[in-house]
Amino acid sequence: MPITPEQIGSESQLALETRLKNCNKKPEYAEYIPIIKQVLDSKFPEWNKPKRGRGGSSRTIACFQGEEREFNAAKDAYIWLIECFGKTNPTLFTSNSQFKTLLE
């Protein structure tokens, strides 16, 4: 028995996505794929867009005094830069730093 948008219109996004995955796995249900996608598109317009969330690494290039390095994660590049700052000015992060005298 064919499904209609009205029959599945009250289902949750997760239920519809599960139904879609199952239809994609079985060729005999391929005719239902456009119907499920139509309901998903109308009820949940962002359902098929990549999720942007926290986590994951992003390749990053950092440069300090002409030296350029590539890192697998932005956090690693940040740590490298802080270490470079510290080597260049060892008192930068101490209580006797130049910043303290500038603020007084």
N, C-alpha and C. Protein backbone atom coordinates (compact mmCIF):
# COMPACT_ATOMS: atom_id res chain seq x y z
N MET A 1 0.83 -1.17 0.00
CA MET A 1 0.00 0.00 0.00
C MET A 1 0.89 1.24 0.00
N PRO A 2 0.73 2.13 -0.98
CA PRO A 2 1.57 3.32 -1.06
C PRO A 2 1.29 4.28 0.10
N ILE A 3 2.34 4.99 0.51
CA ILE A 3 2.16 5.98 1.57
C ILE A 3 1.91 7.35 0.93
N THR A 4 1.24 8.20 1.68
CA THR A 4 0.98 9.56 1.21
C THR A 4 1.58 10.53 2.22
N PRO A 5 1.81 11.78 1.81
CA PRO A 5 2.32 12.76 2.76
C PRO A 5 1.41 12.93 3.98
N GLU A 6 0.12 12.79 3.79
CA GLU A 6 -0.81 12.93 4.90
C GLU A 6 -0.62 11.82 5.94
N GLN A 7 -0.29 10.62 5.48
CA GLN A 7 -0.13 9.49 6.40
C GLN A 7 1.11 9.64 7.28
N ILE A 8 2.15 10.25 6.76
CA ILE A 8 3.38 10.35 7.53
C ILE A 8 3.66 11.77 8.01
N GLY A 9 2.74 12.67 7.75
CA GLY A 9 2.93 14.08 8.09
C GLY A 9 3.07 14.38 9.56
N SER A 10 2.59 13.51 10.43
CA SER A 10 2.67 13.77 11.86
C SER A 10 3.89 13.12 12.51
N GLU A 11 4.70 12.44 11.72
CA GLU A 11 5.87 11.76 12.27
C GLU A 11 6.98 12.77 12.60
N SER A 12 7.81 12.38 13.54
CA SER A 12 8.92 13.25 13.94
C SER A 12 10.01 13.23 12.86
N GLN A 13 10.93 14.18 12.98
CA GLN A 13 12.04 14.23 12.03
C GLN A 13 12.86 12.96 12.09
N LEU A 14 13.14 12.48 13.28
CA LEU A 14 13.93 11.26 13.43
C LEU A 14 13.22 10.07 12.79
N ALA A 15 11.92 9.97 13.00
CA ALA A 15 11.16 8.85 12.42
C ALA A 15 11.18 8.92 10.89
N LEU A 16 11.04 10.13 10.35
CA LEU A 16 11.06 10.28 8.89
C LEU A 16 12.44 9.97 8.31
N GLU A 17 13.48 10.43 9.00
CA GLU A 17 14.83 10.15 8.52
C GLU A 17 15.14 8.65 8.58
N THR A 18 14.65 7.99 9.62
CA THR A 18 14.83 6.53 9.72
C THR A 18 14.09 5.83 8.61
N ARG A 19 12.89 6.28 8.34
CA ARG A 19 12.09 5.71 7.25
C ARG A 19 12.81 5.89 5.92
N LEU A 20 13.40 7.08 5.72
CA LEU A 20 14.13 7.37 4.49
C LEU A 20 15.34 6.46 4.34
N LYS A 21 16.09 6.27 5.42
CA LYS A 21 17.26 5.38 5.39
C LYS A 21 16.84 3.96 5.02
N ASN A 22 15.77 3.52 5.62
CA ASN A 22 15.29 2.16 5.34
C ASN A 22 14.86 2.02 3.88
N CYS A 23 14.21 3.04 3.34
CA CYS A 23 13.78 3.00 1.93
C CYS A 23 14.99 3.01 1.00
N ASN A 24 16.04 3.72 1.39
CA ASN A 24 17.25 3.76 0.56
C ASN A 24 17.96 2.41 0.54
N LYS A 25 17.78 1.63 1.59
CA LYS A 25 18.43 0.31 1.67
C LYS A 25 17.71 -0.75 0.84
N LYS A 26 16.41 -0.55 0.63
CA LYS A 26 15.63 -1.58 -0.07
C LYS A 26 15.04 -1.01 -1.36
N PRO A 27 15.52 -1.48 -2.49
CA PRO A 27 15.05 -0.95 -3.77
C PRO A 27 13.54 -1.04 -3.98
N GLU A 28 12.90 -2.00 -3.37
CA GLU A 28 11.45 -2.13 -3.58
C GLU A 28 10.67 -0.97 -2.95
N TYR A 29 11.32 -0.20 -2.07
CA TYR A 29 10.67 0.95 -1.45
C TYR A 29 11.15 2.27 -2.03
N ALA A 30 11.86 2.25 -3.12
CA ALA A 30 12.42 3.46 -3.73
C ALA A 30 11.34 4.47 -4.11
N GLU A 31 10.15 4.01 -4.43
CA GLU A 31 9.08 4.93 -4.82
C GLU A 31 8.63 5.83 -3.67
N TYR A 32 8.93 5.44 -2.42
CA TYR A 32 8.52 6.23 -1.26
C TYR A 32 9.51 7.35 -0.93
N ILE A 33 10.71 7.26 -1.46
CA ILE A 33 11.76 8.23 -1.13
C ILE A 33 11.33 9.67 -1.44
N PRO A 34 10.81 9.97 -2.63
CA PRO A 34 10.40 11.36 -2.89
C PRO A 34 9.29 11.86 -1.96
N ILE A 35 8.40 10.98 -1.57
CA ILE A 35 7.31 11.37 -0.67
C ILE A 35 7.86 11.72 0.71
N ILE A 36 8.76 10.90 1.21
CA ILE A 36 9.36 11.15 2.52
C ILE A 36 10.18 12.45 2.48
N LYS A 37 10.94 12.64 1.41
CA LYS A 37 11.73 13.86 1.28
C LYS A 37 10.84 15.10 1.21
N GLN A 38 9.71 14.96 0.55
CA GLN A 38 8.77 16.09 0.44
C GLN A 38 8.26 16.48 1.84
N VAL A 39 7.91 15.50 2.65
CA VAL A 39 7.43 15.78 4.00
C VAL A 39 8.55 16.38 4.85
N LEU A 40 9.74 15.80 4.74
CA LEU A 40 10.88 16.35 5.49
C LEU A 40 11.16 17.80 5.09
N ASP A 41 11.15 18.07 3.79
CA ASP A 41 11.40 19.43 3.31
C ASP A 41 10.36 20.42 3.80
N SER A 42 9.11 19.99 3.84
CA SER A 42 8.06 20.92 4.26
C SER A 42 8.02 21.12 5.77
N LYS A 43 8.25 20.06 6.55
CA LYS A 43 8.19 20.16 8.00
C LYS A 43 9.50 20.60 8.64
N PHE A 44 10.62 20.16 8.05
CA PHE A 44 11.94 20.41 8.63
C PHE A 44 12.89 20.90 7.53
N PRO A 45 12.78 22.17 7.13
CA PRO A 45 13.56 22.67 5.98
C PRO A 45 15.07 22.50 6.10
N GLU A 46 15.60 22.43 7.30
CA GLU A 46 17.05 22.31 7.50
C GLU A 46 17.50 20.86 7.68
N TRP A 47 16.63 19.91 7.47
CA TRP A 47 16.93 18.52 7.80
C TRP A 47 18.13 17.96 7.04
N ASN A 48 18.35 18.41 5.82
CA ASN A 48 19.39 17.82 4.97
C ASN A 48 20.66 18.66 4.92
N LYS A 49 20.71 19.73 5.69
CA LYS A 49 21.89 20.59 5.69
C LYS A 49 22.90 20.03 6.68
N PRO A 50 24.18 20.14 6.37
CA PRO A 50 25.19 19.63 7.30
C PRO A 50 25.09 20.35 8.64
N LYS A 51 25.23 19.59 9.68
CA LYS A 51 25.15 20.15 11.03
C LYS A 51 26.47 20.84 11.35
N ARG A 52 26.38 22.05 11.85
CA ARG A 52 27.57 22.76 12.30
C ARG A 52 27.57 22.72 13.81
N GLY A 53 28.51 22.05 14.31
CA GLY A 53 28.56 21.95 15.75
C GLY A 53 29.96 22.14 16.27
N ARG A 54 30.04 22.01 17.53
CA ARG A 54 31.34 22.13 18.15
C ARG A 54 32.10 20.84 17.96
N GLY A 55 33.36 20.94 18.15
CA GLY A 55 34.18 19.75 18.07
C GLY A 55 34.80 19.58 16.70
N GLY A 56 35.68 18.68 16.64
CA GLY A 56 36.36 18.43 15.38
C GLY A 56 37.52 19.39 15.19
N SER A 57 38.50 18.93 14.49
CA SER A 57 39.69 19.74 14.24
C SER A 57 39.59 20.43 12.89
N SER A 58 40.26 21.56 12.80
CA SER A 58 40.32 22.24 11.52
C SER A 58 41.79 22.57 11.25
N ARG A 59 42.23 22.23 10.06
CA ARG A 59 43.62 22.50 9.69
C ARG A 59 43.86 24.00 9.76
N THR A 60 45.00 24.38 10.33
CA THR A 60 45.29 25.78 10.57
C THR A 60 46.74 26.07 10.23
N ILE A 61 46.97 27.24 9.65
CA ILE A 61 48.32 27.71 9.38
C ILE A 61 48.60 28.88 10.30
N ALA A 62 49.71 28.81 11.03
CA ALA A 62 50.10 29.89 11.93
C ALA A 62 51.45 30.42 11.49
N CYS A 63 51.63 31.71 11.69
CA CYS A 63 52.88 32.36 11.28
C CYS A 63 53.37 33.23 12.43
N PHE A 64 54.67 33.11 12.74
CA PHE A 64 55.27 33.95 13.78
C PHE A 64 56.65 34.35 13.33
N GLN A 65 56.88 35.64 13.23
CA GLN A 65 58.16 36.22 12.82
C GLN A 65 58.71 35.53 11.57
N GLY A 66 57.87 35.36 10.59
CA GLY A 66 58.28 34.80 9.31
C GLY A 66 58.28 33.29 9.23
N GLU A 67 58.15 32.61 10.36
CA GLU A 67 58.09 31.14 10.35
C GLU A 67 56.63 30.72 10.25
N GLU A 68 56.35 29.92 9.26
CA GLU A 68 54.97 29.46 9.03
C GLU A 68 54.90 27.96 9.27
N ARG A 69 53.86 27.55 10.00
CA ARG A 69 53.66 26.13 10.28
C ARG A 69 52.20 25.76 10.06
N GLU A 70 52.01 24.52 9.68
CA GLU A 70 50.65 24.01 9.49
C GLU A 70 50.34 23.01 10.60
N PHE A 71 49.14 23.12 11.16
CA PHE A 71 48.72 22.26 12.27
C PHE A 71 47.41 21.57 11.91
N ASN A 72 47.20 20.40 12.50
CA ASN A 72 45.95 19.67 12.27
C ASN A 72 44.78 20.25 13.04
N ALA A 73 45.08 21.03 14.08
CA ALA A 73 44.02 21.63 14.89
C ALA A 73 44.40 23.06 15.24
N ALA A 74 43.40 23.92 15.31
CA ALA A 74 43.64 25.32 15.66
C ALA A 74 44.22 25.44 17.07
N LYS A 75 43.81 24.54 17.96
CA LYS A 75 44.32 24.57 19.33
C LYS A 75 45.84 24.37 19.34
N ASP A 76 46.34 23.46 18.52
CA ASP A 76 47.79 23.23 18.45
C ASP A 76 48.53 24.45 17.93
N ALA A 77 47.94 25.13 16.97
CA ALA A 77 48.55 26.35 16.43
C ALA A 77 48.59 27.42 17.51
N TYR A 78 47.53 27.55 18.27
CA TYR A 78 47.46 28.53 19.34
C TYR A 78 48.54 28.26 20.39
N ILE A 79 48.70 27.02 20.79
CA ILE A 79 49.72 26.65 21.78
C ILE A 79 51.12 26.98 21.25
N TRP A 80 51.36 26.66 19.99
CA TRP A 80 52.66 26.96 19.38
C TRP A 80 52.93 28.47 19.41
N LEU A 81 51.93 29.26 19.06
CA LEU A 81 52.10 30.71 19.08
C LEU A 81 52.40 31.24 20.48
N ILE A 82 51.70 30.74 21.48
CA ILE A 82 51.95 31.16 22.86
C ILE A 82 53.38 30.80 23.27
N GLU A 83 53.83 29.61 22.88
CA GLU A 83 55.21 29.22 23.18
C GLU A 83 56.21 30.14 22.48
N CYS A 84 55.92 30.53 21.26
CA CYS A 84 56.79 31.46 20.53
C CYS A 84 56.84 32.82 21.23
N PHE A 85 55.68 33.30 21.67
CA PHE A 85 55.65 34.58 22.39
C PHE A 85 56.52 34.48 23.65
N GLY A 86 56.37 33.37 24.37
CA GLY A 86 57.13 33.18 25.61
C GLY A 86 58.62 33.11 25.38
N LYS A 87 59.05 32.47 24.30
CA LYS A 87 60.49 32.40 23.99
C LYS A 87 61.04 33.76 23.59
N THR A 88 60.24 34.54 22.91
CA THR A 88 60.68 35.87 22.46
C THR A 88 60.77 36.84 23.62
N ASN A 89 59.83 36.76 24.55
CA ASN A 89 59.79 37.65 25.71
C ASN A 89 59.43 36.81 26.93
N PRO A 90 60.42 36.24 27.62
CA PRO A 90 60.15 35.33 28.74
C PRO A 90 59.36 35.95 29.88
N THR A 91 59.38 37.26 30.03
CA THR A 91 58.64 37.88 31.13
C THR A 91 57.22 38.27 30.74
N LEU A 92 56.84 37.94 29.54
CA LEU A 92 55.53 38.35 29.03
C LEU A 92 54.37 37.88 29.92
N PHE A 93 54.48 36.67 30.44
CA PHE A 93 53.37 36.09 31.19
C PHE A 93 53.65 36.00 32.69
N THR A 94 54.55 36.82 33.20
CA THR A 94 54.84 36.83 34.63
C THR A 94 54.26 38.08 35.26
N SER A 95 54.25 38.10 36.57
CA SER A 95 53.68 39.25 37.27
C SER A 95 54.57 40.48 37.11
N ASN A 96 55.83 40.30 36.72
CA ASN A 96 56.75 41.42 36.52
C ASN A 96 56.81 41.83 35.06
N SER A 97 55.80 41.52 34.32
CA SER A 97 55.85 41.77 32.87
C SER A 97 55.78 43.26 32.55
N GLN A 98 56.12 43.56 31.32
CA GLN A 98 56.08 44.93 30.83
C GLN A 98 54.66 45.49 30.85
N PHE A 99 53.66 44.63 30.71
CA PHE A 99 52.27 45.08 30.70
C PHE A 99 51.89 45.71 32.04
N LYS A 100 52.42 45.16 33.13
CA LYS A 100 52.10 45.67 34.43
C LYS A 100 52.60 47.11 34.58
N THR A 101 53.81 47.37 34.08
CA THR A 101 54.36 48.72 34.18
C THR A 101 53.59 49.68 33.27
N LEU A 102 53.07 49.21 32.18
CA LEU A 102 52.29 50.08 31.30
C LEU A 102 50.97 50.48 31.96
N LEU A 103 50.43 49.62 32.77
CA LEU A 103 49.14 49.89 33.40
C LEU A 103 49.25 50.79 34.63
N GLU A 104 50.41 50.90 35.19
CA GLU A 104 50.59 51.70 36.41
C GLU A 104 50.66 53.17 36.12
